[in-house]
């Protein structure tokens, strides 16, 4: 079972001016595509050939001999999740159950936003900033390189990719500005709410 490069859920220019067509095309068609192709090569005729991405990520995490498999599998998963975390005319503040849980966990949406932006801006080197469900609490966490919250038994709800190729063509070294634009104009809160509800239904 070969993995395939999932198409973007919107047009390449749909997130402009906050993420340019050039950045999105380069990021999806070069970086994401390379992770998919490399993963297929690495797992061919191995015990992982018929496993899901999630199964591969969990089975290869912290296994020195399988670092390349982990990195590529996690990056395929991370990128697909990241694309779905954005939409045209997104951003702003969520409502309903997610707004309630953000208020409960952080005190207010503004406090969540401040913590999310600060965490993403201060992540040293490449990585991701996430909103996760940990037990029954929402938390902001950062991960380096390809690592994602699945390996820590946390439920990812939202992520922003802070590898330089995610923003450098549009924002240069202004990662904080990219994170601000992400929250204000790009986040697909409906997708985030869907992740939360799916987990709650699975554990009802």
Protein backbone atom coordinates (compact mmCIF):
# COMPACT_ATOMS: atom_id res chain seq x y z
CA UNK A 1 0.00 0.00 0.00
CA UNK A 2 1.78 3.10 -1.24
CA UNK A 3 1.13 6.44 0.37
CA UNK A 4 -0.07 9.21 -1.92
CA UNK A 5 0.39 12.96 -1.84
CA UNK A 6 -3.00 14.29 -0.78
CA UNK A 7 -4.07 17.34 -2.82
CA UNK A 8 -4.50 20.64 -1.04
CA UNK A 9 -8.06 21.30 0.17
CA UNK A 10 -8.02 24.68 -1.66
CA UNK A 11 -6.36 26.37 -4.63
CA UNK A 12 -2.69 27.34 -4.45
CA UNK A 13 -3.55 31.05 -4.41
CA UNK A 14 -6.51 30.69 -2.02
CA UNK A 15 -4.60 31.79 1.10
CA UNK A 16 -3.10 34.96 -0.37
CA UNK A 17 -1.92 37.45 0.74
CA UNK A 18 -1.21 35.68 4.05
CA UNK A 19 0.42 32.67 2.40
CA UNK A 20 1.50 33.15 -1.19
CA UNK A 21 0.85 30.81 -4.10
CA UNK A 22 4.62 30.43 -4.46
CA UNK A 23 5.10 29.38 -0.83
CA UNK A 24 2.16 26.99 -0.85
CA UNK A 25 3.12 25.41 -4.16
CA UNK A 26 6.75 24.99 -3.15
CA UNK A 27 5.85 23.64 0.29
CA UNK A 28 3.25 21.13 -0.93
CA UNK A 29 4.66 20.09 -4.30
CA UNK A 30 8.32 19.89 -3.25
CA UNK A 31 8.67 19.35 0.51
CA UNK A 32 5.50 17.34 1.20
CA UNK A 33 5.84 15.37 -2.03
CA UNK A 34 9.43 14.44 -1.22
CA UNK A 35 8.43 13.11 2.21
CA UNK A 36 5.76 10.92 0.59
CA UNK A 37 8.12 9.56 -2.07
CA UNK A 38 10.91 8.91 0.43
CA UNK A 39 8.56 7.18 2.88
CA UNK A 40 7.29 4.84 0.16
CA UNK A 41 10.86 3.90 -0.70
CA UNK A 42 11.82 3.33 2.94
CA UNK A 43 8.87 1.12 3.89
CA UNK A 44 8.65 -0.95 0.72
CA UNK A 45 8.87 -4.66 1.55
CA UNK A 46 9.24 -3.98 5.29
CA UNK A 47 6.96 -4.68 8.24
CA UNK A 48 5.59 -1.15 7.77
CA UNK A 49 4.47 -1.60 4.16
CA UNK A 50 0.79 -2.04 5.08
CA UNK A 51 0.68 0.09 8.22
CA UNK A 52 -1.10 3.43 8.59
CA UNK A 53 0.87 6.63 9.01
CA UNK A 54 -0.13 6.80 12.67
CA UNK A 55 1.01 3.22 13.27
CA UNK A 56 4.37 3.90 11.60
CA UNK A 57 4.90 7.11 13.58
CA UNK A 58 4.23 5.41 16.91
CA UNK A 59 6.25 2.29 16.07
CA UNK A 60 9.38 4.11 14.91
CA UNK A 61 9.56 6.98 17.42
CA UNK A 62 12.86 6.99 19.33
CA UNK A 63 14.06 3.94 17.41
CA UNK A 64 17.53 4.92 16.26
CA UNK A 65 17.59 2.44 13.38
CA UNK A 66 14.27 3.74 12.09
CA UNK A 67 14.82 7.50 12.40
CA UNK A 68 14.49 8.11 8.66
CA UNK A 69 11.20 6.24 8.51
CA UNK A 70 9.87 8.17 11.51
CA UNK A 71 10.93 11.54 10.13
CA UNK A 72 9.30 11.00 6.76
CA UNK A 73 6.13 9.36 8.08
CA UNK A 74 5.63 12.08 10.69
CA UNK A 75 6.22 14.81 8.14
CA UNK A 76 3.65 13.33 5.76
CA UNK A 77 1.15 13.24 8.64
CA UNK A 78 2.10 16.71 9.91
CA UNK A 79 1.79 18.38 6.54
CA UNK A 80 -1.58 16.86 5.69
CA UNK A 81 -2.85 17.99 9.09
CA UNK A 82 -1.37 21.48 8.64
CA UNK A 83 -3.09 22.02 5.28
CA UNK A 84 -6.43 21.14 6.83
CA UNK A 85 -5.83 23.57 9.70
CA UNK A 86 -6.12 26.45 7.21
CA UNK A 87 -8.80 27.76 4.88
CA UNK A 88 -9.49 30.88 2.80
CA UNK A 89 -11.02 33.65 4.93
CA UNK A 90 -10.17 31.76 8.09
CA UNK A 91 -8.92 32.95 11.43
CA UNK A 92 -10.67 35.03 14.02
CA UNK A 93 -12.13 33.37 17.09
CA UNK A 94 -13.95 30.05 17.36
CA UNK A 95 -17.34 29.65 19.00
CA UNK A 96 -19.28 26.96 20.83
CA UNK A 97 -17.60 24.07 22.56
CA UNK A 98 -14.08 25.03 21.47
CA UNK A 99 -14.45 28.60 22.73
CA UNK A 100 -15.66 27.22 26.06
CA UNK A 101 -12.72 24.83 26.36
CA UNK A 102 -10.21 27.55 25.41
CA UNK A 103 -11.65 29.82 28.07
CA UNK A 104 -11.56 27.01 30.61
CA UNK A 105 -7.98 26.00 29.81
CA UNK A 106 -6.36 29.38 29.15
CA UNK A 107 -8.68 31.93 30.74
CA UNK A 108 -9.56 33.57 27.42
CA UNK A 109 -9.00 33.26 23.69
CA UNK A 110 -6.51 36.15 23.82
CA UNK A 111 -4.41 34.32 26.40
CA UNK A 112 -4.43 31.21 24.23
CA UNK A 113 -3.40 33.28 21.19
CA UNK A 114 -0.57 34.93 23.09
CA UNK A 115 0.73 31.58 24.34
CA UNK A 116 0.41 29.96 20.90
CA UNK A 117 2.30 32.79 19.16
CA UNK A 118 4.98 32.96 21.84
CA UNK A 119 5.57 29.20 21.75
CA UNK A 120 5.82 29.15 17.97
CA UNK A 121 8.10 32.18 17.84
CA UNK A 122 10.51 30.78 20.42
CA UNK A 123 10.73 27.22 19.06
CA UNK A 124 14.47 26.94 18.36
CA UNK A 125 15.09 25.80 14.82
CA UNK A 126 12.55 23.79 12.86
CA UNK A 127 9.34 22.38 14.27
CA UNK A 128 5.66 22.94 14.97
CA UNK A 129 3.44 24.66 17.50
CA UNK A 130 0.26 22.78 18.43
CA UNK A 131 -3.00 23.09 20.28
CA UNK A 132 -3.62 19.67 21.78
CA UNK A 133 -6.08 17.89 24.00
CA UNK A 134 -4.19 16.29 26.89
CA UNK A 135 -6.53 14.28 29.10
CA UNK A 136 -9.40 16.80 29.32
CA UNK A 137 -7.24 19.92 29.15
CA UNK A 138 -6.27 22.02 26.14
CA UNK A 139 -2.56 22.82 26.00
CA UNK A 140 -0.12 24.60 23.69
CA UNK A 141 2.95 22.48 22.96
CA UNK A 142 5.91 22.73 20.62
CA UNK A 143 7.75 19.90 18.90
CA UNK A 144 11.09 19.91 17.14
CA UNK A 145 11.70 18.83 13.57
CA UNK A 146 9.18 16.08 12.59
CA UNK A 147 7.95 15.10 16.06
CA UNK A 148 4.22 15.45 16.71
CA UNK A 149 1.99 15.10 19.79
CA UNK A 150 0.81 11.60 18.85
CA UNK A 151 3.99 10.17 20.38
CA UNK A 152 3.07 11.79 23.72
CA UNK A 153 -0.49 10.41 23.72
CA UNK A 154 -1.87 13.89 23.05
CA UNK A 155 -4.66 14.63 20.57
CA UNK A 156 -3.62 17.23 17.95
CA UNK A 157 -6.31 19.82 17.27
CA UNK A 158 -4.39 22.59 15.49
CA UNK A 159 -0.85 23.11 14.23
CA UNK A 160 1.27 25.77 12.60
CA UNK A 161 4.41 24.71 10.76
CA UNK A 162 7.34 26.92 11.81
CA UNK A 163 9.99 25.37 9.59
CA UNK A 164 11.50 28.26 7.62
CA UNK A 165 10.21 26.97 4.28
CA UNK A 166 6.65 27.46 5.60
CA UNK A 167 6.98 31.23 5.78
CA UNK A 168 10.36 32.59 4.69
CA UNK A 169 9.44 33.62 1.14
CA UNK A 170 6.54 35.69 2.52
CA UNK A 171 7.80 36.87 5.92
CA UNK A 172 11.59 36.41 5.81
CA UNK A 173 12.76 36.14 9.45
CA UNK A 174 9.52 37.56 10.88
CA UNK A 175 8.13 34.30 12.26
CA UNK A 176 6.01 36.20 14.77
CA UNK A 177 4.23 38.03 11.94
CA UNK A 178 3.53 34.72 10.23
CA UNK A 179 2.01 33.30 13.42
CA UNK A 180 -0.11 36.43 13.83
CA UNK A 181 -1.42 36.10 10.27
CA UNK A 182 -2.05 32.40 10.80
CA UNK A 183 -4.34 33.02 13.78
CA UNK A 184 -6.00 36.13 12.40
CA UNK A 185 -6.61 35.06 8.81
CA UNK A 186 -5.89 31.38 8.11
CA UNK A 187 -7.06 29.01 10.87
CA UNK A 188 -9.88 26.65 9.92
CA UNK A 189 -11.65 26.54 13.28
CA UNK A 190 -14.31 24.18 11.90
CA UNK A 191 -11.59 21.57 11.32
CA UNK A 192 -10.24 22.10 14.84
CA UNK A 193 -13.71 21.66 16.33
CA UNK A 194 -14.18 18.53 14.22
CA UNK A 195 -11.00 17.00 15.68
CA UNK A 196 -12.23 17.74 19.19
CA UNK A 197 -15.68 16.29 18.54
CA UNK A 198 -14.27 13.16 16.87
CA UNK A 199 -12.20 12.44 19.96
CA UNK A 200 -15.11 13.07 22.28
CA UNK A 201 -17.39 10.75 20.29
CA UNK A 202 -14.74 8.05 20.28
CA UNK A 203 -14.52 8.23 24.04
CA UNK A 204 -18.17 8.78 24.85
